[in-house]
């Protein structure tokens, strides 16, 4: 697994764990929420890297 993917996974875990703590995520919606958060975090990081290169 690439370092970027590991960082994205770690951040996603922390965000989803916080959502669970505050009752925003239920077991029924966990899968969809995790995928959406993962995708959003990865896109944000990749967009930021592209902006830095320009």
N, C-alpha and C. Protein backbone atom coordinates (compact mmCIF):
# COMPACT_ATOMS: atom_id res chain seq x y z
N UNK A 1 0.85 -1.18 0.00
CA UNK A 1 0.00 0.00 0.00
C UNK A 1 0.89 1.24 0.00
N UNK A 2 0.56 2.18 -0.83
CA UNK A 2 1.36 3.40 -0.92
C UNK A 2 1.17 4.25 0.33
N UNK A 3 2.15 5.09 0.59
CA UNK A 3 2.11 5.95 1.78
C UNK A 3 0.89 6.87 1.74
N UNK A 4 0.56 7.40 0.57
CA UNK A 4 -0.60 8.28 0.45
C UNK A 4 -1.87 7.54 0.85
N UNK A 5 -2.04 6.32 0.36
CA UNK A 5 -3.23 5.54 0.70
C UNK A 5 -3.30 5.26 2.19
N UNK A 6 -2.16 5.01 2.82
CA UNK A 6 -2.15 4.77 4.26
C UNK A 6 -2.58 6.01 5.04
N UNK A 7 -2.12 7.18 4.61
CA UNK A 7 -2.50 8.42 5.26
C UNK A 7 -3.99 8.71 5.07
N UNK A 8 -4.48 8.48 3.86
CA UNK A 8 -5.90 8.70 3.58
C UNK A 8 -6.74 7.76 4.44
N UNK A 9 -6.34 6.52 4.54
CA UNK A 9 -7.07 5.54 5.34
C UNK A 9 -7.08 5.95 6.81
N UNK A 10 -5.96 6.41 7.33
CA UNK A 10 -5.87 6.82 8.73
C UNK A 10 -6.78 8.02 9.02
N UNK A 11 -6.75 9.02 8.14
CA UNK A 11 -7.59 10.20 8.33
C UNK A 11 -9.07 9.82 8.23
N UNK A 12 -9.39 8.97 7.26
CA UNK A 12 -10.77 8.52 7.09
C UNK A 12 -11.26 7.79 8.33
N UNK A 13 -10.42 6.91 8.89
CA UNK A 13 -10.79 6.19 10.11
C UNK A 13 -11.10 7.16 11.24
N UNK A 14 -10.28 8.19 11.40
CA UNK A 14 -10.49 9.16 12.47
C UNK A 14 -11.79 9.94 12.29
N UNK A 15 -12.07 10.34 11.05
CA UNK A 15 -13.29 11.09 10.78
C UNK A 15 -14.52 10.22 11.02
N UNK A 16 -14.51 9.01 10.49
CA UNK A 16 -15.67 8.13 10.66
C UNK A 16 -15.85 7.75 12.13
N UNK A 17 -14.76 7.54 12.86
CA UNK A 17 -14.87 7.24 14.28
C UNK A 17 -15.54 8.39 15.03
N UNK A 18 -15.20 9.62 14.66
CA UNK A 18 -15.82 10.78 15.29
C UNK A 18 -17.31 10.84 14.94
N UNK A 19 -17.64 10.54 13.69
CA UNK A 19 -19.06 10.50 13.28
C UNK A 19 -19.82 9.47 14.10
N UNK A 20 -19.21 8.32 14.35
CA UNK A 20 -19.85 7.27 15.14
C UNK A 20 -20.06 7.76 16.58
N UNK A 21 -19.04 8.42 17.14
CA UNK A 21 -19.12 8.92 18.52
C UNK A 21 -20.28 9.89 18.70
N UNK A 22 -20.52 10.74 17.72
CA UNK A 22 -21.57 11.75 17.86
C UNK A 22 -22.91 11.24 17.33
N UNK A 23 -22.96 9.99 16.89
CA UNK A 23 -24.21 9.39 16.46
C UNK A 23 -24.61 9.74 15.03
N UNK A 24 -23.69 10.22 14.26
CA UNK A 24 -24.00 10.60 12.88
C UNK A 24 -23.99 9.40 11.94
N UNK A 25 -23.28 8.33 12.31
CA UNK A 25 -23.18 7.14 11.46
C UNK A 25 -23.73 5.95 12.23
N UNK A 26 -24.60 5.20 11.57
CA UNK A 26 -25.14 3.97 12.16
C UNK A 26 -24.49 2.78 11.47
N UNK A 27 -24.61 1.60 12.06
CA UNK A 27 -24.03 0.42 11.39
C UNK A 27 -24.59 0.21 9.98
N UNK A 28 -25.83 0.59 9.76
CA UNK A 28 -26.44 0.41 8.44
C UNK A 28 -25.82 1.33 7.40
N UNK A 29 -25.36 2.49 7.81
CA UNK A 29 -24.82 3.45 6.85
C UNK A 29 -23.29 3.51 6.86
N UNK A 30 -22.65 2.66 7.66
CA UNK A 30 -21.20 2.71 7.80
C UNK A 30 -20.47 2.54 6.47
N UNK A 31 -20.83 1.52 5.71
CA UNK A 31 -20.13 1.21 4.46
C UNK A 31 -20.16 2.38 3.48
N UNK A 32 -21.33 2.92 3.26
CA UNK A 32 -21.47 4.04 2.33
C UNK A 32 -20.73 5.28 2.84
N UNK A 33 -20.87 5.55 4.13
CA UNK A 33 -20.22 6.73 4.71
C UNK A 33 -18.70 6.61 4.62
N UNK A 34 -18.16 5.43 4.96
CA UNK A 34 -16.71 5.24 4.91
C UNK A 34 -16.18 5.47 3.50
N UNK A 35 -16.85 4.90 2.51
CA UNK A 35 -16.41 5.07 1.12
C UNK A 35 -16.46 6.53 0.70
N UNK A 36 -17.54 7.23 1.06
CA UNK A 36 -17.67 8.64 0.69
C UNK A 36 -16.60 9.50 1.34
N UNK A 37 -16.33 9.27 2.62
CA UNK A 37 -15.32 10.04 3.33
C UNK A 37 -13.94 9.75 2.74
N UNK A 38 -13.66 8.48 2.48
CA UNK A 38 -12.36 8.09 1.89
C UNK A 38 -12.16 8.81 0.56
N UNK A 39 -13.18 8.76 -0.28
CA UNK A 39 -13.09 9.40 -1.59
C UNK A 39 -12.87 10.91 -1.45
N UNK A 40 -13.60 11.54 -0.54
CA UNK A 40 -13.47 12.99 -0.34
C UNK A 40 -12.09 13.38 0.16
N UNK A 41 -11.57 12.63 1.12
CA UNK A 41 -10.24 12.92 1.67
C UNK A 41 -9.18 12.76 0.58
N UNK A 42 -9.27 11.68 -0.18
CA UNK A 42 -8.27 11.43 -1.22
C UNK A 42 -8.33 12.51 -2.29
N UNK A 43 -9.53 12.90 -2.71
CA UNK A 43 -9.67 13.96 -3.71
C UNK A 43 -9.10 15.28 -3.20
N UNK A 44 -9.36 15.59 -1.94
CA UNK A 44 -8.85 16.84 -1.36
C UNK A 44 -7.32 16.86 -1.36
N UNK A 45 -6.72 15.75 -1.01
CA UNK A 45 -5.26 15.68 -0.99
C UNK A 45 -4.69 15.78 -2.39
N UNK A 46 -5.28 15.06 -3.33
CA UNK A 46 -4.78 15.10 -4.71
C UNK A 46 -4.97 16.48 -5.32
N UNK A 47 -6.11 17.12 -5.07
CA UNK A 47 -6.34 18.48 -5.57
C UNK A 47 -5.32 19.45 -4.99
N UNK A 48 -5.02 19.30 -3.72
CA UNK A 48 -4.05 20.17 -3.07
C UNK A 48 -2.66 19.99 -3.69
N UNK A 49 -2.29 18.73 -3.97
CA UNK A 49 -0.98 18.47 -4.58
C UNK A 49 -0.89 19.07 -5.98
N UNK A 50 -1.96 19.02 -6.73
CA UNK A 50 -1.96 19.58 -8.09
C UNK A 50 -1.81 21.09 -8.00
N UNK A 51 -2.49 21.73 -7.07
CA UNK A 51 -2.41 23.17 -6.91
C UNK A 51 -1.01 23.61 -6.52
N UNK A 52 -0.32 22.83 -5.70
CA UNK A 52 1.03 23.17 -5.28
C UNK A 52 2.00 23.10 -6.46
N UNK A 53 1.77 22.18 -7.38
CA UNK A 53 2.66 22.01 -8.52
C UNK A 53 2.52 23.15 -9.53
N UNK A 54 1.38 23.80 -9.57
CA UNK A 54 1.14 24.86 -10.55
C UNK A 54 1.77 26.14 -10.16
